[in-house]
């Protein structure tokens, strides 16, 4: 997983992992901290935007909170997805 740059300094996103047609996002808190979004669950354009924001290091948490893209799975560890 890649560390999220968090350029704004106030994101709850900690790390992310880009896969083929998917992105896994790790959040700092909550009972389920890993969320996997896929092109099937959220749509290709949403995945592309989330990957762009993740690599940019800013705006990913805001995008997720505002647009609420459907996730494919969630869990307490990366392996639980």
PDB file of N, CA and C in Angstrom:
ATOM      1  N   UNK A   1       0.839  -1.180   0.000  1.00  0.00           N
ATOM      2  CA  UNK A   1       0.000   0.000   0.000  1.00  0.00           C
ATOM      3  C   UNK A   1       0.882   1.240   0.000  1.00  0.00           C
ATOM      4  N   UNK A   2       0.359   2.272  -0.624  1.00  0.00           N
ATOM      5  CA  UNK A   2       1.042   3.556  -0.685  1.00  0.00           C
ATOM      6  C   UNK A   2       0.522   4.460   0.431  1.00  0.00           C
ATOM      7  N   UNK A   3       1.400   5.212   1.041  1.00  0.00           N
ATOM      8  CA  UNK A   3       0.990   6.190   2.047  1.00  0.00           C
ATOM      9  C   UNK A   3       0.347   7.370   1.345  1.00  0.00           C
ATOM     10  N   UNK A   4      -0.810   7.778   1.844  1.00  0.00           N
ATOM     11  CA  UNK A   4      -1.520   8.932   1.292  1.00  0.00           C
ATOM     12  C   UNK A   4      -0.821  10.201   1.770  1.00  0.00           C
ATOM     13  N   UNK A   5      -0.487  11.103   0.862  1.00  0.00           N
ATOM     14  CA  UNK A   5       0.290  12.297   1.204  1.00  0.00           C
ATOM     15  C   UNK A   5      -0.451  13.252   2.141  1.00  0.00           C
ATOM     16  N   UNK A   6      -1.774  13.310   2.075  1.00  0.00           N
ATOM     17  CA  UNK A   6      -2.578  14.152   2.950  1.00  0.00           C
ATOM     18  C   UNK A   6      -2.066  15.592   2.962  1.00  0.00           C
ATOM     19  N   UNK A   7      -1.968  16.192   1.792  1.00  0.00           N
ATOM     20  CA  UNK A   7      -1.434  17.543   1.671  1.00  0.00           C
ATOM     21  C   UNK A   7      -2.252  18.588   2.406  1.00  0.00           C
ATOM     22  N   UNK A   8      -3.541  18.343   2.572  1.00  0.00           N
ATOM     23  CA  UNK A   8      -4.384  19.298   3.303  1.00  0.00           C
ATOM     24  C   UNK A   8      -4.199  19.171   4.813  1.00  0.00           C
ATOM     25  N   UNK A   9      -3.715  18.019   5.254  1.00  0.00           N
ATOM     26  CA  UNK A   9      -3.470  17.806   6.674  1.00  0.00           C
ATOM     27  C   UNK A   9      -4.673  17.410   7.497  1.00  0.00           C
ATOM     28  N   UNK A  10      -5.843  17.256   6.880  1.00  0.00           N
ATOM     29  CA  UNK A  10      -7.037  16.932   7.667  1.00  0.00           C
ATOM     30  C   UNK A  10      -7.821  15.736   7.131  1.00  0.00           C
ATOM     31  N   UNK A  11      -7.176  14.877   6.367  1.00  0.00           N
ATOM     32  CA  UNK A  11      -7.848  13.719   5.796  1.00  0.00           C
ATOM     33  C   UNK A  11      -7.802  12.532   6.747  1.00  0.00           C
ATOM     34  N   UNK A  12      -8.812  11.708   6.697  1.00  0.00           N
ATOM     35  CA  UNK A  12      -8.804  10.467   7.478  1.00  0.00           C
ATOM     36  C   UNK A  12      -8.274   9.300   6.648  1.00  0.00           C
ATOM     37  N   UNK A  13      -7.894   9.554   5.379  1.00  0.00           N
ATOM     38  CA  UNK A  13      -7.277   8.532   4.541  1.00  0.00           C
ATOM     39  C   UNK A  13      -5.818   8.374   4.968  1.00  0.00           C
ATOM     40  N   UNK A  14      -5.393   7.127   5.185  1.00  0.00           N
ATOM     41  CA  UNK A  14      -4.029   6.843   5.629  1.00  0.00           C
ATOM     42  C   UNK A  14      -3.194   6.270   4.485  1.00  0.00           C
ATOM     43  N   UNK A  15      -3.721   5.240   3.820  1.00  0.00           N
ATOM     44  CA  UNK A  15      -3.005   4.566   2.739  1.00  0.00           C
ATOM     45  C   UNK A  15      -3.998   4.156   1.671  1.00  0.00           C
ATOM     46  N   UNK A  16      -3.461   3.788   0.520  1.00  0.00           N
ATOM     47  CA  UNK A  16      -4.306   3.312  -0.583  1.00  0.00           C
ATOM     48  C   UNK A  16      -3.535   2.304  -1.408  1.00  0.00           C
ATOM     49  N   UNK A  17      -4.277   1.497  -2.134  1.00  0.00           N
ATOM     50  CA  UNK A  17      -3.695   0.487  -3.006  1.00  0.00           C
ATOM     51  C   UNK A  17      -4.489   0.469  -4.304  1.00  0.00           C
ATOM     52  N   UNK A  18      -3.818   0.730  -5.399  1.00  0.00           N
ATOM     53  CA  UNK A  18      -4.467   0.745  -6.704  1.00  0.00           C
ATOM     54  C   UNK A  18      -4.319  -0.627  -7.335  1.00  0.00           C
ATOM     55  N   UNK A  19      -5.434  -1.180  -7.783  1.00  0.00           N
ATOM     56  CA  UNK A  19      -5.435  -2.453  -8.489  1.00  0.00           C
ATOM     57  C   UNK A  19      -5.996  -2.265  -9.878  1.00  0.00           C
ATOM     58  N   UNK A  20      -6.168  -3.334 -10.585  1.00  0.00           N
ATOM     59  CA  UNK A  20      -6.750  -3.284 -11.916  1.00  0.00           C
ATOM     60  C   UNK A  20      -8.255  -3.023 -11.782  1.00  0.00           C
ATOM     61  N   UNK A  21      -8.665  -1.809 -12.073  1.00  0.00           N
ATOM     62  CA  UNK A  21     -10.081  -1.452 -11.971  1.00  0.00           C
ATOM     63  C   UNK A  21     -10.576  -1.297 -10.552  1.00  0.00           C
ATOM     64  N   UNK A  22      -9.658  -1.050  -9.605  1.00  0.00           N
ATOM     65  CA  UNK A  22     -10.080  -0.916  -8.212  1.00  0.00           C
ATOM     66  C   UNK A  22      -9.115  -0.052  -7.420  1.00  0.00           C
ATOM     67  N   UNK A  23      -9.575   0.366  -6.262  1.00  0.00           N
ATOM     68  CA  UNK A  23      -8.731   1.053  -5.295  1.00  0.00           C
ATOM     69  C   UNK A  23      -9.189   0.639  -3.904  1.00  0.00           C
ATOM     70  N   UNK A  24      -8.233   0.335  -3.044  1.00  0.00           N
ATOM     71  CA  UNK A  24      -8.512   0.054  -1.634  1.00  0.00           C
ATOM     72  C   UNK A  24      -8.050   1.271  -0.861  1.00  0.00           C
ATOM     73  N   UNK A  25      -8.899   1.755   0.023  1.00  0.00           N
ATOM     74  CA  UNK A  25      -8.578   2.924   0.830  1.00  0.00           C
ATOM     75  C   UNK A  25      -8.599   2.519   2.301  1.00  0.00           C
ATOM     76  N   UNK A  26      -7.535   2.869   3.016  1.00  0.00           N
ATOM     77  CA  UNK A  26      -7.473   2.627   4.457  1.00  0.00           C
ATOM     78  C   UNK A  26      -7.732   3.952   5.163  1.00  0.00           C
ATOM     79  N   UNK A  27      -8.717   3.927   6.066  1.00  0.00           N
ATOM     80  CA  UNK A  27      -9.046   5.106   6.857  1.00  0.00           C
ATOM     81  C   UNK A  27      -8.441   4.982   8.250  1.00  0.00           C
ATOM     82  N   UNK A  28      -8.240   6.119   8.903  1.00  0.00           N
ATOM     83  CA  UNK A  28      -7.557   6.158  10.192  1.00  0.00           C
ATOM     84  C   UNK A  28      -8.380   5.576  11.327  1.00  0.00           C
ATOM     85  N   UNK A  29      -9.686   5.635  11.244  1.00  0.00           N
ATOM     86  CA  UNK A  29     -10.495   5.169  12.367  1.00  0.00           C
ATOM     87  C   UNK A  29     -11.779   4.505  11.891  1.00  0.00           C
ATOM     88  N   UNK A  30     -12.446   3.865  12.839  1.00  0.00           N
ATOM     89  CA  UNK A  30     -13.686   3.170  12.541  1.00  0.00           C
ATOM     90  C   UNK A  30     -13.517   1.680  12.717  1.00  0.00           C
ATOM     91  N   UNK A  31     -14.607   0.975  12.825  1.00  0.00           N
ATOM     92  CA  UNK A  31     -14.531  -0.466  13.029  1.00  0.00           C
ATOM     93  C   UNK A  31     -14.059  -1.175  11.763  1.00  0.00           C
ATOM     94  N   UNK A  32     -14.487  -0.702  10.607  1.00  0.00           N
ATOM     95  CA  UNK A  32     -13.998  -1.216   9.321  1.00  0.00           C
ATOM     96  C   UNK A  32     -13.165  -0.107   8.702  1.00  0.00           C
ATOM     97  N   UNK A  33     -11.865  -0.298   8.638  1.00  0.00           N
ATOM     98  CA  UNK A  33     -11.001   0.777   8.160  1.00  0.00           C
ATOM     99  C   UNK A  33     -10.557   0.611   6.718  1.00  0.00           C
ATOM    100  N   UNK A  34     -10.753  -0.561   6.113  1.00  0.00           N
ATOM    101  CA  UNK A  34     -10.368  -0.803   4.731  1.00  0.00           C
ATOM    102  C   UNK A  34     -11.621  -0.914   3.860  1.00  0.00           C
ATOM    103  N   UNK A  35     -11.657  -0.131   2.790  1.00  0.00           N
ATOM    104  CA  UNK A  35     -12.775  -0.151   1.861  1.00  0.00           C
ATOM    105  C   UNK A  35     -12.234  -0.381   0.458  1.00  0.00           C
ATOM    106  N   UNK A  36     -12.822  -1.337  -0.248  1.00  0.00           N
ATOM    107  CA  UNK A  36     -12.424  -1.616  -1.621  1.00  0.00           C
ATOM    108  C   UNK A  36     -13.518  -1.119  -2.554  1.00  0.00           C
ATOM    109  N   UNK A  37     -13.118  -0.274  -3.472  1.00  0.00           N
ATOM    110  CA  UNK A  37     -14.013   0.258  -4.486  1.00  0.00           C
ATOM    111  C   UNK A  37     -13.576  -0.327  -5.826  1.00  0.00           C
ATOM    112  N   UNK A  38     -14.524  -0.783  -6.610  1.00  0.00           N
ATOM    113  CA  UNK A  38     -14.205  -1.352  -7.915  1.00  0.00           C
ATOM    114  C   UNK A  38     -14.989  -0.635  -9.008  1.00  0.00           C
ATOM    115  N   UNK A  39     -14.576  -0.873 -10.249  1.00  0.00           N
ATOM    116  CA  UNK A  39     -15.304  -0.279 -11.363  1.00  0.00           C
ATOM    117  C   UNK A  39     -16.733  -0.824 -11.431  1.00  0.00           C
ATOM    118  N   UNK A  40     -16.940  -2.012 -10.896  1.00  0.00           N
ATOM    119  CA  UNK A  40     -18.289  -2.594 -10.888  1.00  0.00           C
ATOM    120  C   UNK A  40     -19.147  -1.940  -9.809  1.00  0.00           C
ATOM    121  N   UNK A  41     -18.579  -1.724  -8.622  1.00  0.00           N
ATOM    122  CA  UNK A  41     -19.365  -1.156  -7.527  1.00  0.00           C
ATOM    123  C   UNK A  41     -19.576   0.350  -7.675  1.00  0.00           C
ATOM    124  N   UNK A  42     -18.526   1.066  -8.083  1.00  0.00           N
ATOM    125  CA  UNK A  42     -18.584   2.527  -8.080  1.00  0.00           C
ATOM    126  C   UNK A  42     -18.606   3.155  -9.470  1.00  0.00           C
ATOM    127  N   UNK A  43     -18.245   2.378 -10.482  1.00  0.00           N
ATOM    128  CA  UNK A  43     -18.171   2.919 -11.833  1.00  0.00           C
ATOM    129  C   UNK A  43     -16.745   3.293 -12.200  1.00  0.00           C
ATOM    130  N   UNK A  44     -16.416   3.130 -13.455  1.00  0.00           N
ATOM    131  CA  UNK A  44     -15.050   3.362 -13.913  1.00  0.00           C
ATOM    132  C   UNK A  44     -14.602   4.797 -13.695  1.00  0.00           C
ATOM    133  N   UNK A  45     -15.471   5.763 -13.972  1.00  0.00           N
ATOM    134  CA  UNK A  45     -15.074   7.169 -13.833  1.00  0.00           C
ATOM    135  C   UNK A  45     -14.786   7.519 -12.376  1.00  0.00           C
ATOM    136  N   UNK A  46     -15.544   6.950 -11.447  1.00  0.00           N
ATOM    137  CA  UNK A  46     -15.294   7.196 -10.031  1.00  0.00           C
ATOM    138  C   UNK A  46     -13.952   6.611  -9.607  1.00  0.00           C
ATOM    139  N   UNK A  47     -13.643   5.408 -10.083  1.00  0.00           N
ATOM    140  CA  UNK A  47     -12.359   4.783  -9.745  1.00  0.00           C
ATOM    141  C   UNK A  47     -11.214   5.619 -10.310  1.00  0.00           C
ATOM    142  N   UNK A  48     -11.338   6.052 -11.531  1.00  0.00           N
ATOM    143  CA  UNK A  48     -10.294   6.874 -12.143  1.00  0.00           C
ATOM    144  C   UNK A  48     -10.073   8.157 -11.356  1.00  0.00           C
ATOM    145  N   UNK A  49     -11.141   8.786 -10.925  1.00  0.00           N
ATOM    146  CA  UNK A  49     -11.022  10.022 -10.144  1.00  0.00           C
ATOM    147  C   UNK A  49     -10.419   9.745  -8.768  1.00  0.00           C
ATOM    148  N   UNK A  50     -10.824   8.668  -8.131  1.00  0.00           N
ATOM    149  CA  UNK A  50     -10.282   8.323  -6.822  1.00  0.00           C
ATOM    150  C   UNK A  50      -8.784   8.012  -6.912  1.00  0.00           C
ATOM    151  N   UNK A  51      -8.374   7.311  -7.954  1.00  0.00           N
ATOM    152  CA  UNK A  51      -6.955   7.011  -8.155  1.00  0.00           C
ATOM    153  C   UNK A  51      -6.182   8.303  -8.398  1.00  0.00           C
ATOM    154  N   UNK A  52      -6.734   9.183  -9.199  1.00  0.00           N
ATOM    155  CA  UNK A  52      -6.078  10.465  -9.473  1.00  0.00           C
ATOM    156  C   UNK A  52      -5.890  11.270  -8.185  1.00  0.00           C
ATOM    157  N   UNK A  53      -6.931  11.344  -7.382  1.00  0.00           N
ATOM    158  CA  UNK A  53      -6.865  12.090  -6.124  1.00  0.00           C
ATOM    159  C   UNK A  53      -5.911  11.433  -5.134  1.00  0.00           C
ATOM    160  N   UNK A  54      -5.904  10.111  -5.094  1.00  0.00           N
ATOM    161  CA  UNK A  54      -4.994   9.389  -4.198  1.00  0.00           C
ATOM    162  C   UNK A  54      -3.543   9.696  -4.555  1.00  0.00           C
ATOM    163  N   UNK A  55      -3.228   9.640  -5.835  1.00  0.00           N
ATOM    164  CA  UNK A  55      -1.859   9.916  -6.280  1.00  0.00           C
ATOM    165  C   UNK A  55      -1.489  11.383  -6.089  1.00  0.00           C
ATOM    166  N   UNK A  56      -2.474  12.254  -6.209  1.00  0.00           N
ATOM    167  CA  UNK A  56      -2.265  13.684  -5.999  1.00  0.00           C
ATOM    168  C   UNK A  56      -2.012  13.989  -4.523  1.00  0.00           C
ATOM    169  N   UNK A  57      -2.584  13.156  -3.635  1.00  0.00           N
ATOM    170  CA  UNK A  57      -2.398  13.338  -2.194  1.00  0.00           C
ATOM    171  C   UNK A  57      -3.332  14.335  -1.554  1.00  0.00           C
ATOM    172  N   UNK A  58      -4.385  14.671  -2.254  1.00  0.00           N
ATOM    173  CA  UNK A  58      -5.327  15.645  -1.723  1.00  0.00           C
ATOM    174  C   UNK A  58      -6.693  15.462  -2.377  1.00  0.00           C
ATOM    175  N   UNK A  59      -7.751  15.518  -1.577  1.00  0.00           N
ATOM    176  CA  UNK A  59      -9.108  15.495  -2.094  1.00  0.00           C
ATOM    177  C   UNK A  59      -9.819  14.160  -2.075  1.00  0.00           C
ATOM    178  N   UNK A  60      -9.119  13.076  -1.756  1.00  0.00           N
ATOM    179  CA  UNK A  60      -9.742  11.754  -1.800  1.00  0.00           C
ATOM    180  C   UNK A  60     -10.828  11.601  -0.739  1.00  0.00           C
ATOM    181  N   UNK A  61     -10.535  11.971   0.489  1.00  0.00           N
ATOM    182  CA  UNK A  61     -11.526  11.853   1.561  1.00  0.00           C
ATOM    183  C   UNK A  61     -12.760  12.702   1.250  1.00  0.00           C
ATOM    184  N   UNK A  62     -12.545  13.919   0.766  1.00  0.00           N
ATOM    185  CA  UNK A  62     -13.662  14.801   0.417  1.00  0.00           C
ATOM    186  C   UNK A  62     -14.496  14.210  -0.708  1.00  0.00           C
ATOM    187  N   UNK A  63     -13.840  13.628  -1.701  1.00  0.00           N
ATOM    188  CA  UNK A  63     -14.558  13.011  -2.818  1.00  0.00           C
ATOM    189  C   UNK A  63     -15.442  11.876  -2.311  1.00  0.00           C
ATOM    190  N   UNK A  64     -14.886  11.027  -1.464  1.00  0.00           N
ATOM    191  CA  UNK A  64     -15.645   9.886  -0.944  1.00  0.00           C
ATOM    192  C   UNK A  64     -16.812  10.368  -0.093  1.00  0.00           C
ATOM    193  N   UNK A  65     -16.580  11.334   0.762  1.00  0.00           N
ATOM    194  CA  UNK A  65     -17.653  11.850   1.638  1.00  0.00           C
ATOM    195  C   UNK A  65     -18.750  12.540   0.845  1.00  0.00           C
ATOM    196  N   UNK A  66     -18.384  13.259  -0.205  1.00  0.00           N
ATOM    197  CA  UNK A  66     -19.355  14.010  -0.997  1.00  0.00           C
ATOM    198  C   UNK A  66     -20.138  13.112  -1.952  1.00  0.00           C
ATOM    199  N   UNK A  67     -19.426  12.235  -2.656  1.00  0.00           N
ATOM    200  CA  UNK A  67     -20.057  11.422  -3.704  1.00  0.00           C
ATOM    201  C   UNK A  67     -20.553  10.060  -3.242  1.00  0.00           C
ATOM    202  N   UNK A  68     -20.061   9.592  -2.102  1.00  0.00           N
ATOM    203  CA  UNK A  68     -20.475   8.307  -1.534  1.00  0.00           C
ATOM    204  C   UNK A  68     -20.477   7.179  -2.562  1.00  0.00           C
ATOM    205  N   UNK A  69     -19.338   6.951  -3.225  1.00  0.00           N
ATOM    206  CA  UNK A  69     -19.306   5.856  -4.197  1.00  0.00           C
ATOM    207  C   UNK A  69     -19.523   4.513  -3.501  1.00  0.00           C
ATOM    208  N   UNK A  70     -20.321   3.641  -4.049  1.00  0.00           N
ATOM    209  CA  UNK A  70     -20.560   2.337  -3.430  1.00  0.00           C
ATOM    210  C   UNK A  70     -19.272   1.511  -3.390  1.00  0.00           C
ATOM    211  N   UNK A  71     -19.006   0.895  -2.256  1.00  0.00           N
ATOM    212  CA  UNK A  71     -17.825   0.056  -2.129  1.00  0.00           C
ATOM    213  C   UNK A  71     -18.204  -1.396  -2.397  1.00  0.00           C
ATOM    214  N   UNK A  72     -17.218  -2.164  -2.845  1.00  0.00           N
ATOM    215  CA  UNK A  72     -17.436  -3.580  -3.129  1.00  0.00           C
ATOM    216  C   UNK A  72     -17.330  -4.418  -1.858  1.00  0.00           C
ATOM    217  N   UNK A  73     -16.419  -4.024  -0.964  1.00  0.00           N
ATOM    218  CA  UNK A  73     -16.267  -4.737   0.305  1.00  0.00           C
ATOM    219  C   UNK A  73     -15.559  -3.822   1.307  1.00  0.00           C
ATOM    220  N   UNK A  74     -15.678  -4.206   2.574  1.00  0.00           N
ATOM    221  CA  UNK A  74     -14.998  -3.468   3.637  1.00  0.00           C
ATOM    222  C   UNK A  74     -14.550  -4.472   4.689  1.00  0.00           C
ATOM    223  N   UNK A  75     -13.551  -4.091   5.461  1.00  0.00           N
ATOM    224  CA  UNK A  75     -13.059  -5.004   6.477  1.00  0.00           C
ATOM    225  C   UNK A  75     -12.094  -4.333   7.427  1.00  0.00           C
ATOM    226  N   UNK A  76     -11.668  -5.096   8.397  1.00  0.00           N
ATOM    227  CA  UNK A  76     -10.761  -4.585   9.420  1.00  0.00           C
ATOM    228  C   UNK A  76      -9.305  -4.767   9.031  1.00  0.00           C
ATOM    229  N   UNK A  77      -9.024  -5.589   8.027  1.00  0.00           N
ATOM    230  CA  UNK A  77      -7.663  -5.780   7.516  1.00  0.00           C
ATOM    231  C   UNK A  77      -7.713  -5.836   5.995  1.00  0.00           C
ATOM    232  N   UNK A  78      -6.576  -5.645   5.396  1.00  0.00           N
ATOM    233  CA  UNK A  78      -6.502  -5.717   3.939  1.00  0.00           C
ATOM    234  C   UNK A  78      -6.870  -7.122   3.450  1.00  0.00           C
ATOM    235  N   UNK A  79      -6.437  -8.128   4.187  1.00  0.00           N
ATOM    236  CA  UNK A  79      -6.723  -9.512   3.803  1.00  0.00           C
ATOM    237  C   UNK A  79      -8.194  -9.892   3.940  1.00  0.00           C
ATOM    238  N   UNK A  80      -8.957  -9.109   4.702  1.00  0.00           N
ATOM    239  CA  UNK A  80     -10.380  -9.429   4.887  1.00  0.00           C
ATOM    240  C   UNK A  80     -11.239  -8.989   3.711  1.00  0.00           C
ATOM    241  N   UNK A  81     -10.639  -8.296   2.759  1.00  0.00           N
ATOM    242  CA  UNK A  81     -11.400  -7.836   1.588  1.00  0.00           C
ATOM    243  C   UNK A  81     -11.479  -8.945   0.589  1.00  0.00           C
TER     244      UNK A  81
END
